[in-house]
């Protein structure tokens, strides 16, 4: 919505869907827990995986390319940890800012879930 994109056009674009699917399947495993404790633990893992995927997407947006250079992964966790702690939000890109806010909020939710365990 913030980019005035046609929702149907985006959803039916096979190239975009393939890139999104590649990112998703690289990072995300589905929870399979059989009891509450296992499910909570795996849900936290799912959140963490989703957060990695979103941060990876932010890096792609920031660099304007799908394939990220290997050097980026040397400092990947430093940047990731800064963002989820609310420190790494110095960007003018409105899409990245929105995703950084989402990462921070997901991290807060994950901390609350860990307290419940």
PDB file of N, CA and C in Angstrom:
ATOM      1  N   UNK A   1       0.819  -1.192   0.000  1.00  0.00           N
ATOM      2  CA  UNK A   1       0.000   0.000   0.000  1.00  0.00           C
ATOM      3  C   UNK A   1       0.865   1.259   0.000  1.00  0.00           C
ATOM      4  N   UNK A   2       1.976   1.251   0.748  1.00  0.00           N
ATOM      5  CA  UNK A   2       2.797   2.465   0.808  1.00  0.00           C
ATOM      6  C   UNK A   2       3.540   2.718  -0.497  1.00  0.00           C
ATOM      7  N   UNK A   3       3.583   1.708  -1.364  1.00  0.00           N
ATOM      8  CA  UNK A   3       4.240   1.865  -2.660  1.00  0.00           C
ATOM      9  C   UNK A   3       3.245   1.963  -3.806  1.00  0.00           C
ATOM     10  N   UNK A   4       1.963   2.000  -3.485  1.00  0.00           N
ATOM     11  CA  UNK A   4       0.892   2.080  -4.485  1.00  0.00           C
ATOM     12  C   UNK A   4       0.973   0.961  -5.518  1.00  0.00           C
ATOM     13  N   UNK A   5       1.264  -0.246  -5.045  1.00  0.00           N
ATOM     14  CA  UNK A   5       1.319  -1.397  -5.936  1.00  0.00           C
ATOM     15  C   UNK A   5      -0.052  -2.052  -5.995  1.00  0.00           C
ATOM     16  N   UNK A   6      -0.374  -2.597  -7.131  1.00  0.00           N
ATOM     17  CA  UNK A   6      -1.626  -3.325  -7.303  1.00  0.00           C
ATOM     18  C   UNK A   6      -1.468  -4.701  -6.644  1.00  0.00           C
ATOM     19  N   UNK A   7      -2.279  -4.976  -5.633  1.00  0.00           N
ATOM     20  CA  UNK A   7      -2.161  -6.203  -4.859  1.00  0.00           C
ATOM     21  C   UNK A   7      -2.279  -7.455  -5.730  1.00  0.00           C
ATOM     22  N   UNK A   8      -3.243  -7.472  -6.622  1.00  0.00           N
ATOM     23  CA  UNK A   8      -3.445  -8.632  -7.497  1.00  0.00           C
ATOM     24  C   UNK A   8      -2.245  -8.828  -8.416  1.00  0.00           C
ATOM     25  N   UNK A   9      -1.720  -7.745  -8.951  1.00  0.00           N
ATOM     26  CA  UNK A   9      -0.569  -7.827  -9.851  1.00  0.00           C
ATOM     27  C   UNK A   9       0.650  -8.391  -9.123  1.00  0.00           C
ATOM     28  N   UNK A  10       0.869  -7.954  -7.896  1.00  0.00           N
ATOM     29  CA  UNK A  10       2.004  -8.447  -7.118  1.00  0.00           C
ATOM     30  C   UNK A  10       1.825  -9.933  -6.800  1.00  0.00           C
ATOM     31  N   UNK A  11       0.620 -10.319  -6.379  1.00  0.00           N
ATOM     32  CA  UNK A  11       0.363 -11.714  -6.012  1.00  0.00           C
ATOM     33  C   UNK A  11       0.477 -12.662  -7.188  1.00  0.00           C
ATOM     34  N   UNK A  12       0.227 -12.193  -8.385  1.00  0.00           N
ATOM     35  CA  UNK A  12       0.255 -13.066  -9.556  1.00  0.00           C
ATOM     36  C   UNK A  12       1.571 -12.992 -10.335  1.00  0.00           C
ATOM     37  N   UNK A  13       2.522 -12.198  -9.864  1.00  0.00           N
ATOM     38  CA  UNK A  13       3.815 -12.094 -10.529  1.00  0.00           C
ATOM     39  C   UNK A  13       4.672 -13.299 -10.132  1.00  0.00           C
ATOM     40  N   UNK A  14       4.891 -14.201 -11.071  1.00  0.00           N
ATOM     41  CA  UNK A  14       5.603 -15.447 -10.771  1.00  0.00           C
ATOM     42  C   UNK A  14       7.049 -15.218 -10.344  1.00  0.00           C
ATOM     43  N   UNK A  15       7.718 -14.251 -10.946  1.00  0.00           N
ATOM     44  CA  UNK A  15       9.112 -13.986 -10.587  1.00  0.00           C
ATOM     45  C   UNK A  15       9.211 -13.524  -9.132  1.00  0.00           C
ATOM     46  N   UNK A  16       8.361 -12.580  -8.729  1.00  0.00           N
ATOM     47  CA  UNK A  16       8.371 -12.096  -7.342  1.00  0.00           C
ATOM     48  C   UNK A  16       8.034 -13.220  -6.366  1.00  0.00           C
ATOM     49  N   UNK A  17       7.038 -14.029  -6.726  1.00  0.00           N
ATOM     50  CA  UNK A  17       6.644 -15.141  -5.861  1.00  0.00           C
ATOM     51  C   UNK A  17       7.767 -16.152  -5.714  1.00  0.00           C
ATOM     52  N   UNK A  18       8.506 -16.394  -6.768  1.00  0.00           N
ATOM     53  CA  UNK A  18       9.614 -17.347  -6.699  1.00  0.00           C
ATOM     54  C   UNK A  18      10.711 -16.820  -5.777  1.00  0.00           C
ATOM     55  N   UNK A  19      11.061 -15.543  -5.887  1.00  0.00           N
ATOM     56  CA  UNK A  19      12.079 -14.964  -5.001  1.00  0.00           C
ATOM     57  C   UNK A  19      11.622 -15.004  -3.546  1.00  0.00           C
ATOM     58  N   UNK A  20      10.377 -14.653  -3.302  1.00  0.00           N
ATOM     59  CA  UNK A  20       9.832 -14.681  -1.934  1.00  0.00           C
ATOM     60  C   UNK A  20       9.827 -16.109  -1.398  1.00  0.00           C
ATOM     61  N   UNK A  21       9.442 -17.047  -2.224  1.00  0.00           N
ATOM     62  CA  UNK A  21       9.409 -18.447  -1.820  1.00  0.00           C
ATOM     63  C   UNK A  21      10.812 -18.960  -1.498  1.00  0.00           C
ATOM     64  N   UNK A  22      11.787 -18.578  -2.295  1.00  0.00           N
ATOM     65  CA  UNK A  22      13.172 -18.991  -2.034  1.00  0.00           C
ATOM     66  C   UNK A  22      13.637 -18.493  -0.675  1.00  0.00           C
ATOM     67  N   UNK A  23      13.379 -17.225  -0.373  1.00  0.00           N
ATOM     68  CA  UNK A  23      13.766 -16.676   0.928  1.00  0.00           C
ATOM     69  C   UNK A  23      13.047 -17.406   2.052  1.00  0.00           C
ATOM     70  N   UNK A  24      11.750 -17.598   1.888  1.00  0.00           N
ATOM     71  CA  UNK A  24      10.946 -18.224   2.932  1.00  0.00           C
ATOM     72  C   UNK A  24      11.455 -19.639   3.234  1.00  0.00           C
ATOM     73  N   UNK A  25      11.642 -20.449   2.204  1.00  0.00           N
ATOM     74  CA  UNK A  25      12.044 -21.840   2.421  1.00  0.00           C
ATOM     75  C   UNK A  25      13.483 -21.966   2.889  1.00  0.00           C
ATOM     76  N   UNK A  26      14.305 -20.967   2.645  1.00  0.00           N
ATOM     77  CA  UNK A  26      15.682 -20.993   3.130  1.00  0.00           C
ATOM     78  C   UNK A  26      15.721 -20.815   4.648  1.00  0.00           C
ATOM     79  N   UNK A  27      14.821 -19.992   5.189  1.00  0.00           N
ATOM     80  CA  UNK A  27      14.880 -19.635   6.600  1.00  0.00           C
ATOM     81  C   UNK A  27      13.843 -20.310   7.496  1.00  0.00           C
ATOM     82  N   UNK A  28      12.685 -20.667   6.977  1.00  0.00           N
ATOM     83  CA  UNK A  28      11.556 -20.989   7.853  1.00  0.00           C
ATOM     84  C   UNK A  28      11.253 -22.483   7.899  1.00  0.00           C
ATOM     85  N   UNK A  29      11.171 -23.006   9.124  1.00  0.00           N
ATOM     86  CA  UNK A  29      10.684 -24.359   9.398  1.00  0.00           C
ATOM     87  C   UNK A  29       9.356 -24.221  10.135  1.00  0.00           C
ATOM     88  N   UNK A  30       8.454 -25.136   9.909  1.00  0.00           N
ATOM     89  CA  UNK A  30       7.152 -25.086  10.569  1.00  0.00           C
ATOM     90  C   UNK A  30       7.214 -25.791  11.923  1.00  0.00           C
ATOM     91  N   UNK A  31       6.530 -25.233  12.946  1.00  0.00           N
ATOM     92  CA  UNK A  31       6.495 -25.897  14.259  1.00  0.00           C
ATOM     93  C   UNK A  31       5.771 -27.243  14.173  1.00  0.00           C
ATOM     94  N   UNK A  32       6.324 -28.244  14.857  1.00  0.00           N
ATOM     95  CA  UNK A  32       5.736 -29.577  14.837  1.00  0.00           C
ATOM     96  C   UNK A  32       5.482 -30.115  16.247  1.00  0.00           C
ATOM     97  N   UNK A  33       5.634 -29.271  17.253  1.00  0.00           N
ATOM     98  CA  UNK A  33       5.548 -29.722  18.634  1.00  0.00           C
ATOM     99  C   UNK A  33       4.272 -30.481  18.951  1.00  0.00           C
ATOM    100  N   UNK A  34       4.427 -31.485  19.816  1.00  0.00           N
ATOM    101  CA  UNK A  34       3.287 -32.302  20.207  1.00  0.00           C
ATOM    102  C   UNK A  34       2.709 -31.877  21.555  1.00  0.00           C
ATOM    103  N   UNK A  35       3.460 -31.141  22.334  1.00  0.00           N
ATOM    104  CA  UNK A  35       2.944 -30.649  23.610  1.00  0.00           C
ATOM    105  C   UNK A  35       3.163 -29.140  23.666  1.00  0.00           C
ATOM    106  N   UNK A  36       2.568 -28.513  24.660  1.00  0.00           N
ATOM    107  CA  UNK A  36       2.617 -27.053  24.782  1.00  0.00           C
ATOM    108  C   UNK A  36       4.056 -26.552  24.847  1.00  0.00           C
ATOM    109  N   UNK A  37       4.881 -27.187  25.658  1.00  0.00           N
ATOM    110  CA  UNK A  37       6.270 -26.739  25.828  1.00  0.00           C
ATOM    111  C   UNK A  37       7.027 -26.805  24.508  1.00  0.00           C
ATOM    112  N   UNK A  38       6.881 -27.916  23.789  1.00  0.00           N
ATOM    113  CA  UNK A  38       7.561 -28.052  22.497  1.00  0.00           C
ATOM    114  C   UNK A  38       7.040 -27.034  21.499  1.00  0.00           C
ATOM    115  N   UNK A  39       5.734 -26.832  21.497  1.00  0.00           N
ATOM    116  CA  UNK A  39       5.138 -25.888  20.563  1.00  0.00           C
ATOM    117  C   UNK A  39       5.619 -24.459  20.838  1.00  0.00           C
ATOM    118  N   UNK A  40       5.699 -24.078  22.108  1.00  0.00           N
ATOM    119  CA  UNK A  40       6.198 -22.740  22.461  1.00  0.00           C
ATOM    120  C   UNK A  40       7.651 -22.569  22.025  1.00  0.00           C
ATOM    121  N   UNK A  41       8.460 -23.582  22.275  1.00  0.00           N
ATOM    122  CA  UNK A  41       9.869 -23.513  21.889  1.00  0.00           C
ATOM    123  C   UNK A  41      10.010 -23.399  20.374  1.00  0.00           C
ATOM    124  N   UNK A  42       9.252 -24.199  19.649  1.00  0.00           N
ATOM    125  CA  UNK A  42       9.329 -24.166  18.195  1.00  0.00           C
ATOM    126  C   UNK A  42       8.716 -22.892  17.617  1.00  0.00           C
ATOM    127  N   UNK A  43       7.740 -22.317  18.303  1.00  0.00           N
ATOM    128  CA  UNK A  43       7.168 -21.050  17.847  1.00  0.00           C
ATOM    129  C   UNK A  43       8.200 -19.934  17.992  1.00  0.00           C
ATOM    130  N   UNK A  44       8.952 -19.949  19.083  1.00  0.00           N
ATOM    131  CA  UNK A  44      10.045 -18.976  19.237  1.00  0.00           C
ATOM    132  C   UNK A  44      11.074 -19.153  18.129  1.00  0.00           C
ATOM    133  N   UNK A  45      11.376 -20.406  17.809  1.00  0.00           N
ATOM    134  CA  UNK A  45      12.314 -20.684  16.710  1.00  0.00           C
ATOM    135  C   UNK A  45      11.744 -20.160  15.385  1.00  0.00           C
ATOM    136  N   UNK A  46      10.436 -20.352  15.176  1.00  0.00           N
ATOM    137  CA  UNK A  46       9.782 -19.856  13.965  1.00  0.00           C
ATOM    138  C   UNK A  46       9.888 -18.334  13.890  1.00  0.00           C
ATOM    139  N   UNK A  47       9.623 -17.649  15.005  1.00  0.00           N
ATOM    140  CA  UNK A  47       9.757 -16.192  15.034  1.00  0.00           C
ATOM    141  C   UNK A  47      11.174 -15.783  14.655  1.00  0.00           C
ATOM    142  N   UNK A  48      12.162 -16.440  15.250  1.00  0.00           N
ATOM    143  CA  UNK A  48      13.553 -16.094  14.981  1.00  0.00           C
ATOM    144  C   UNK A  48      13.880 -16.312  13.505  1.00  0.00           C
ATOM    145  N   UNK A  49      13.383 -17.402  12.938  1.00  0.00           N
ATOM    146  CA  UNK A  49      13.602 -17.685  11.513  1.00  0.00           C
ATOM    147  C   UNK A  49      12.934 -16.632  10.632  1.00  0.00           C
ATOM    148  N   UNK A  50      11.700 -16.263  10.972  1.00  0.00           N
ATOM    149  CA  UNK A  50      11.008 -15.211  10.214  1.00  0.00           C
ATOM    150  C   UNK A  50      11.763 -13.893  10.299  1.00  0.00           C
ATOM    151  N   UNK A  51      12.298 -13.602  11.471  1.00  0.00           N
ATOM    152  CA  UNK A  51      13.053 -12.364  11.639  1.00  0.00           C
ATOM    153  C   UNK A  51      14.309 -12.366  10.772  1.00  0.00           C
ATOM    154  N   UNK A  52      14.985 -13.508  10.692  1.00  0.00           N
ATOM    155  CA  UNK A  52      16.150 -13.611   9.804  1.00  0.00           C
ATOM    156  C   UNK A  52      15.749 -13.386   8.352  1.00  0.00           C
ATOM    157  N   UNK A  53      14.640 -14.001   7.957  1.00  0.00           N
ATOM    158  CA  UNK A  53      14.170 -13.853   6.585  1.00  0.00           C
ATOM    159  C   UNK A  53      13.849 -12.380   6.278  1.00  0.00           C
ATOM    160  N   UNK A  54      13.188 -11.701   7.197  1.00  0.00           N
ATOM    161  CA  UNK A  54      12.833 -10.295   6.990  1.00  0.00           C
ATOM    162  C   UNK A  54      14.087  -9.433   6.924  1.00  0.00           C
ATOM    163  N   UNK A  55      15.060  -9.712   7.790  1.00  0.00           N
ATOM    164  CA  UNK A  55      16.307  -8.943   7.747  1.00  0.00           C
ATOM    165  C   UNK A  55      17.050  -9.184   6.432  1.00  0.00           C
ATOM    166  N   UNK A  56      17.066 -10.426   5.969  1.00  0.00           N
ATOM    167  CA  UNK A  56      17.676 -10.755   4.674  1.00  0.00           C
ATOM    168  C   UNK A  56      17.014  -9.926   3.566  1.00  0.00           C
ATOM    169  N   UNK A  57      15.685  -9.836   3.619  1.00  0.00           N
ATOM    170  CA  UNK A  57      14.936  -9.044   2.644  1.00  0.00           C
ATOM    171  C   UNK A  57      15.319  -7.568   2.742  1.00  0.00           C
ATOM    172  N   UNK A  58      15.502  -7.063   3.953  1.00  0.00           N
ATOM    173  CA  UNK A  58      15.941  -5.665   4.133  1.00  0.00           C
ATOM    174  C   UNK A  58      17.294  -5.434   3.472  1.00  0.00           C
ATOM    175  N   UNK A  59      18.191  -6.398   3.631  1.00  0.00           N
ATOM    176  CA  UNK A  59      19.511  -6.283   2.989  1.00  0.00           C
ATOM    177  C   UNK A  59      19.371  -6.271   1.473  1.00  0.00           C
ATOM    178  N   UNK A  60      18.473  -7.102   0.941  1.00  0.00           N
ATOM    179  CA  UNK A  60      18.240  -7.114  -0.500  1.00  0.00           C
ATOM    180  C   UNK A  60      17.690  -5.770  -0.964  1.00  0.00           C
ATOM    181  N   UNK A  61      16.740  -5.228  -0.210  1.00  0.00           N
ATOM    182  CA  UNK A  61      16.170  -3.919  -0.565  1.00  0.00           C
ATOM    183  C   UNK A  61      17.228  -2.822  -0.499  1.00  0.00           C
ATOM    184  N   UNK A  62      18.036  -2.859   0.549  1.00  0.00           N
ATOM    185  CA  UNK A  62      19.057  -1.830   0.746  1.00  0.00           C
ATOM    186  C   UNK A  62      20.080  -1.841  -0.386  1.00  0.00           C
ATOM    187  N   UNK A  63      20.489  -3.038  -0.819  1.00  0.00           N
ATOM    188  CA  UNK A  63      21.486  -3.149  -1.882  1.00  0.00           C
ATOM    189  C   UNK A  63      20.872  -3.137  -3.280  1.00  0.00           C
ATOM    190  N   UNK A  64      19.557  -3.360  -3.355  1.00  0.00           N
ATOM    191  CA  UNK A  64      18.879  -3.373  -4.645  1.00  0.00           C
ATOM    192  C   UNK A  64      19.227  -4.572  -5.495  1.00  0.00           C
ATOM    193  N   UNK A  65      19.489  -5.698  -4.834  1.00  0.00           N
ATOM    194  CA  UNK A  65      19.816  -6.912  -5.582  1.00  0.00           C
ATOM    195  C   UNK A  65      19.304  -8.144  -4.851  1.00  0.00           C
ATOM    196  N   UNK A  66      18.999  -9.178  -5.626  1.00  0.00           N
ATOM    197  CA  UNK A  66      18.469 -10.422  -5.075  1.00  0.00           C
ATOM    198  C   UNK A  66      19.578 -11.243  -4.426  1.00  0.00           C
ATOM    199  N   UNK A  67      20.649 -11.473  -5.158  1.00  0.00           N
ATOM    200  CA  UNK A  67      21.770 -12.267  -4.642  1.00  0.00           C
ATOM    201  C   UNK A  67      22.702 -11.367  -3.846  1.00  0.00           C
ATOM    202  N   UNK A  68      22.826 -11.677  -2.571  1.00  0.00           N
ATOM    203  CA  UNK A  68      23.648 -10.853  -1.694  1.00  0.00           C
ATOM    204  C   UNK A  68      25.096 -11.322  -1.738  1.00  0.00           C
ATOM    205  N   UNK A  69      26.031 -10.374  -1.660  1.00  0.00           N
ATOM    206  CA  UNK A  69      27.448 -10.760  -1.672  1.00  0.00           C
ATOM    207  C   UNK A  69      27.807 -11.531  -0.401  1.00  0.00           C
ATOM    208  N   UNK A  70      28.718 -12.477  -0.524  1.00  0.00           N
ATOM    209  CA  UNK A  70      29.124 -13.302   0.615  1.00  0.00           C
ATOM    210  C   UNK A  70      29.660 -12.457   1.775  1.00  0.00           C
ATOM    211  N   UNK A  71      30.312 -11.345   1.462  1.00  0.00           N
ATOM    212  CA  UNK A  71      30.883 -10.490   2.509  1.00  0.00           C
ATOM    213  C   UNK A  71      29.815  -9.957   3.467  1.00  0.00           C
ATOM    214  N   UNK A  72      28.610  -9.793   2.961  1.00  0.00           N
ATOM    215  CA  UNK A  72      27.527  -9.276   3.789  1.00  0.00           C
ATOM    216  C   UNK A  72      27.266 -10.197   4.979  1.00  0.00           C
ATOM    217  N   UNK A  73      27.423 -11.487   4.771  1.00  0.00           N
ATOM    218  CA  UNK A  73      27.105 -12.451   5.824  1.00  0.00           C
ATOM    219  C   UNK A  73      28.153 -12.464   6.937  1.00  0.00           C
ATOM    220  N   UNK A  74      29.328 -11.854   6.691  1.00  0.00           N
ATOM    221  CA  UNK A  74      30.324 -11.734   7.758  1.00  0.00           C
ATOM    222  C   UNK A  74      29.795 -10.862   8.891  1.00  0.00           C
ATOM    223  N   UNK A  75      29.054  -9.816   8.557  1.00  0.00           N
ATOM    224  CA  UNK A  75      28.499  -8.901   9.551  1.00  0.00           C
ATOM    225  C   UNK A  75      26.983  -9.013   9.672  1.00  0.00           C
ATOM    226  N   UNK A  76      26.405 -10.072   9.098  1.00  0.00           N
ATOM    227  CA  UNK A  76      24.952 -10.237   9.066  1.00  0.00           C
ATOM    228  C   UNK A  76      24.355 -10.175  10.468  1.00  0.00           C
ATOM    229  N   UNK A  77      24.930 -10.921  11.406  1.00  0.00           N
ATOM    230  CA  UNK A  77      24.347 -10.977  12.747  1.00  0.00           C
ATOM    231  C   UNK A  77      24.538  -9.683  13.526  1.00  0.00           C
ATOM    232  N   UNK A  78      25.613  -8.977  13.272  1.00  0.00           N
ATOM    233  CA  UNK A  78      25.807  -7.687  13.943  1.00  0.00           C
ATOM    234  C   UNK A  78      24.699  -6.726  13.546  1.00  0.00           C
ATOM    235  N   UNK A  79      24.436  -6.605  12.261  1.00  0.00           N
ATOM    236  CA  UNK A  79      23.357  -5.741  11.785  1.00  0.00           C
ATOM    237  C   UNK A  79      21.998  -6.222  12.255  1.00  0.00           C
ATOM    238  N   UNK A  80      21.791  -7.537  12.209  1.00  0.00           N
ATOM    239  CA  UNK A  80      20.528  -8.128  12.635  1.00  0.00           C
ATOM    240  C   UNK A  80      20.263  -7.821  14.110  1.00  0.00           C
ATOM    241  N   UNK A  81      21.256  -8.033  14.954  1.00  0.00           N
ATOM    242  CA  UNK A  81      21.075  -7.799  16.392  1.00  0.00           C
ATOM    243  C   UNK A  81      20.836  -6.325  16.689  1.00  0.00           C
ATOM    244  N   UNK A  82      21.489  -5.441  15.950  1.00  0.00           N
ATOM    245  CA  UNK A  82      21.247  -4.005  16.114  1.00  0.00           C
ATOM    246  C   UNK A  82      19.793  -3.662  15.799  1.00  0.00           C
ATOM    247  N   UNK A  83      19.273  -4.226  14.731  1.00  0.00           N
ATOM    248  CA  UNK A  83      17.898  -3.924  14.311  1.00  0.00           C
ATOM    249  C   UNK A  83      16.886  -4.453  15.319  1.00  0.00           C
ATOM    250  N   UNK A  84      17.034  -5.703  15.761  1.00  0.00           N
ATOM    251  CA  UNK A  84      16.030  -6.248  16.675  1.00  0.00           C
ATOM    252  C   UNK A  84      16.090  -5.601  18.050  1.00  0.00           C
ATOM    253  N   UNK A  85      17.237  -5.008  18.374  1.00  0.00           N
ATOM    254  CA  UNK A  85      17.336  -4.267  19.630  1.00  0.00           C
ATOM    255  C   UNK A  85      16.873  -2.824  19.483  1.00  0.00           C
ATOM    256  N   UNK A  86      16.512  -2.429  18.258  1.00  0.00           N
ATOM    257  CA  UNK A  86      16.012  -1.083  18.006  1.00  0.00           C
ATOM    258  C   UNK A  86      17.091  -0.057  17.743  1.00  0.00           C
ATOM    259  N   UNK A  87      18.325  -0.510  17.470  1.00  0.00           N
ATOM    260  CA  UNK A  87      19.443   0.428  17.275  1.00  0.00           C
ATOM    261  C   UNK A  87      19.783   0.670  15.800  1.00  0.00           C
ATOM    262  N   UNK A  88      19.512  -0.274  14.936  1.00  0.00           N
ATOM    263  CA  UNK A  88      19.988  -0.183  13.556  1.00  0.00           C
ATOM    264  C   UNK A  88      18.942   0.294  12.581  1.00  0.00           C
ATOM    265  N   UNK A  89      18.363   1.452  12.827  1.00  0.00           N
ATOM    266  CA  UNK A  89      17.256   1.895  11.977  1.00  0.00           C
ATOM    267  C   UNK A  89      17.582   3.152  11.170  1.00  0.00           C
ATOM    268  N   UNK A  90      18.848   3.412  10.924  1.00  0.00           N
ATOM    269  CA  UNK A  90      19.243   4.612  10.188  1.00  0.00           C
ATOM    270  C   UNK A  90      19.159   4.369   8.682  1.00  0.00           C
ATOM    271  N   UNK A  91      17.977   4.559   8.129  1.00  0.00           N
ATOM    272  CA  UNK A  91      17.779   4.412   6.689  1.00  0.00           C
ATOM    273  C   UNK A  91      16.682   5.370   6.253  1.00  0.00           C
ATOM    274  N   UNK A  92      16.752   5.796   5.016  1.00  0.00           N
ATOM    275  CA  UNK A  92      15.721   6.674   4.462  1.00  0.00           C
ATOM    276  C   UNK A  92      14.654   5.883   3.705  1.00  0.00           C
ATOM    277  N   UNK A  93      14.915   4.609   3.462  1.00  0.00           N
ATOM    278  CA  UNK A  93      13.997   3.773   2.700  1.00  0.00           C
ATOM    279  C   UNK A  93      12.778   3.430   3.566  1.00  0.00           C
ATOM    280  N   UNK A  94      11.591   3.868   3.142  1.00  0.00           N
ATOM    281  CA  UNK A  94      10.380   3.677   3.945  1.00  0.00           C
ATOM    282  C   UNK A  94      10.022   2.206   4.093  1.00  0.00           C
ATOM    283  N   UNK A  95      10.341   1.388   3.101  1.00  0.00           N
ATOM    284  CA  UNK A  95      10.056  -0.044   3.184  1.00  0.00           C
ATOM    285  C   UNK A  95      10.947  -0.725   4.217  1.00  0.00           C
ATOM    286  N   UNK A  96      12.216  -0.380   4.202  1.00  0.00           N
ATOM    287  CA  UNK A  96      13.143  -0.958   5.171  1.00  0.00           C
ATOM    288  C   UNK A  96      12.785  -0.488   6.575  1.00  0.00           C
ATOM    289  N   UNK A  97      12.442   0.782   6.741  1.00  0.00           N
ATOM    290  CA  UNK A  97      12.030   1.286   8.058  1.00  0.00           C
ATOM    291  C   UNK A  97      10.840   0.507   8.600  1.00  0.00           C
ATOM    292  N   UNK A  98       9.876   0.252   7.747  1.00  0.00           N
ATOM    293  CA  UNK A  98       8.687  -0.503   8.143  1.00  0.00           C
ATOM    294  C   UNK A  98       9.065  -1.924   8.571  1.00  0.00           C
ATOM    295  N   UNK A  99       9.942  -2.549   7.817  1.00  0.00           N
ATOM    296  CA  UNK A  99      10.380  -3.906   8.165  1.00  0.00           C
ATOM    297  C   UNK A  99      11.226  -3.914   9.431  1.00  0.00           C
ATOM    298  N   UNK A 100      12.058  -2.895   9.638  1.00  0.00           N
ATOM    299  CA  UNK A 100      12.825  -2.791  10.879  1.00  0.00           C
ATOM    300  C   UNK A 100      11.885  -2.677  12.080  1.00  0.00           C
ATOM    301  N   UNK A 101      10.830  -1.884  11.943  1.00  0.00           N
ATOM    302  CA  UNK A 101       9.845  -1.774  13.022  1.00  0.00           C
ATOM    303  C   UNK A 101       9.196  -3.130  13.298  1.00  0.00           C
ATOM    304  N   UNK A 102       8.876  -3.856  12.231  1.00  0.00           N
ATOM    305  CA  UNK A 102       8.294  -5.183  12.383  1.00  0.00           C
ATOM    306  C   UNK A 102       9.262  -6.116  13.096  1.00  0.00           C
ATOM    307  N   UNK A 103      10.540  -6.077  12.730  1.00  0.00           N
ATOM    308  CA  UNK A 103      11.539  -6.914  13.382  1.00  0.00           C
ATOM    309  C   UNK A 103      11.628  -6.615  14.873  1.00  0.00           C
ATOM    310  N   UNK A 104      11.627  -5.351  15.218  1.00  0.00           N
ATOM    311  CA  UNK A 104      11.691  -4.961  16.629  1.00  0.00           C
ATOM    312  C   UNK A 104      10.482  -5.508  17.381  1.00  0.00           C
ATOM    313  N   UNK A 105       9.294  -5.359  16.810  1.00  0.00           N
ATOM    314  CA  UNK A 105       8.063  -5.829  17.466  1.00  0.00           C
ATOM    315  C   UNK A 105       8.029  -7.353  17.567  1.00  0.00           C
ATOM    316  N   UNK A 106       8.466  -8.061  16.532  1.00  0.00           N
ATOM    317  CA  UNK A 106       8.531  -9.517  16.594  1.00  0.00           C
ATOM    318  C   UNK A 106       9.484  -9.964  17.698  1.00  0.00           C
ATOM    319  N   UNK A 107      10.595  -9.264  17.839  1.00  0.00           N
ATOM    320  CA  UNK A 107      11.550  -9.590  18.890  1.00  0.00           C
ATOM    321  C   UNK A 107      10.921  -9.379  20.271  1.00  0.00           C
ATOM    322  N   UNK A 108      10.154  -8.308  20.426  1.00  0.00           N
ATOM    323  CA  UNK A 108       9.477  -8.063  21.704  1.00  0.00           C
ATOM    324  C   UNK A 108       8.477  -9.183  22.002  1.00  0.00           C
ATOM    325  N   UNK A 109       7.739  -9.601  20.990  1.00  0.00           N
ATOM    326  CA  UNK A 109       6.785 -10.706  21.159  1.00  0.00           C
ATOM    327  C   UNK A 109       7.507 -11.996  21.535  1.00  0.00           C
ATOM    328  N   UNK A 110       8.636 -12.251  20.881  1.00  0.00           N
ATOM    329  CA  UNK A 110       9.380 -13.464  21.166  1.00  0.00           C
ATOM    330  C   UNK A 110       9.891 -13.459  22.613  1.00  0.00           C
ATOM    331  N   UNK A 111      10.316 -12.308  23.094  1.00  0.00           N
ATOM    332  CA  UNK A 111      10.764 -12.204  24.487  1.00  0.00           C
ATOM    333  C   UNK A 111       9.612 -12.509  25.437  1.00  0.00           C
ATOM    334  N   UNK A 112       8.408 -12.026  25.116  1.00  0.00           N
ATOM    335  CA  UNK A 112       7.250 -12.309  25.954  1.00  0.00           C
ATOM    336  C   UNK A 112       6.918 -13.802  25.938  1.00  0.00           C
ATOM    337  N   UNK A 113       7.037 -14.427  24.780  1.00  0.00           N
ATOM    338  CA  UNK A 113       6.783 -15.876  24.705  1.00  0.00           C
ATOM    339  C   UNK A 113       7.796 -16.654  25.535  1.00  0.00           C
ATOM    340  N   UNK A 114       9.053 -16.218  25.496  1.00  0.00           N
ATOM    341  CA  UNK A 114      10.082 -16.904  26.285  1.00  0.00           C
ATOM    342  C   UNK A 114       9.799 -16.780  27.770  1.00  0.00           C
ATOM    343  N   UNK A 115       9.233 -15.645  28.198  1.00  0.00           N
ATOM    344  CA  UNK A 115       8.864 -15.472  29.602  1.00  0.00           C
ATOM    345  C   UNK A 115       7.745 -16.431  30.008  1.00  0.00           C
ATOM    346  N   UNK A 116       6.878 -16.782  29.068  1.00  0.00           N
ATOM    347  CA  UNK A 116       5.769 -17.687  29.352  1.00  0.00           C
ATOM    348  C   UNK A 116       6.235 -19.142  29.474  1.00  0.00           C
ATOM    349  N   UNK A 117       7.375 -19.438  28.870  1.00  0.00           N
ATOM    350  CA  UNK A 117       7.854 -20.825  28.913  1.00  0.00           C
ATOM    351  C   UNK A 117       8.316 -21.157  30.248  1.00  0.00           C
TER     352      UNK A 117
END
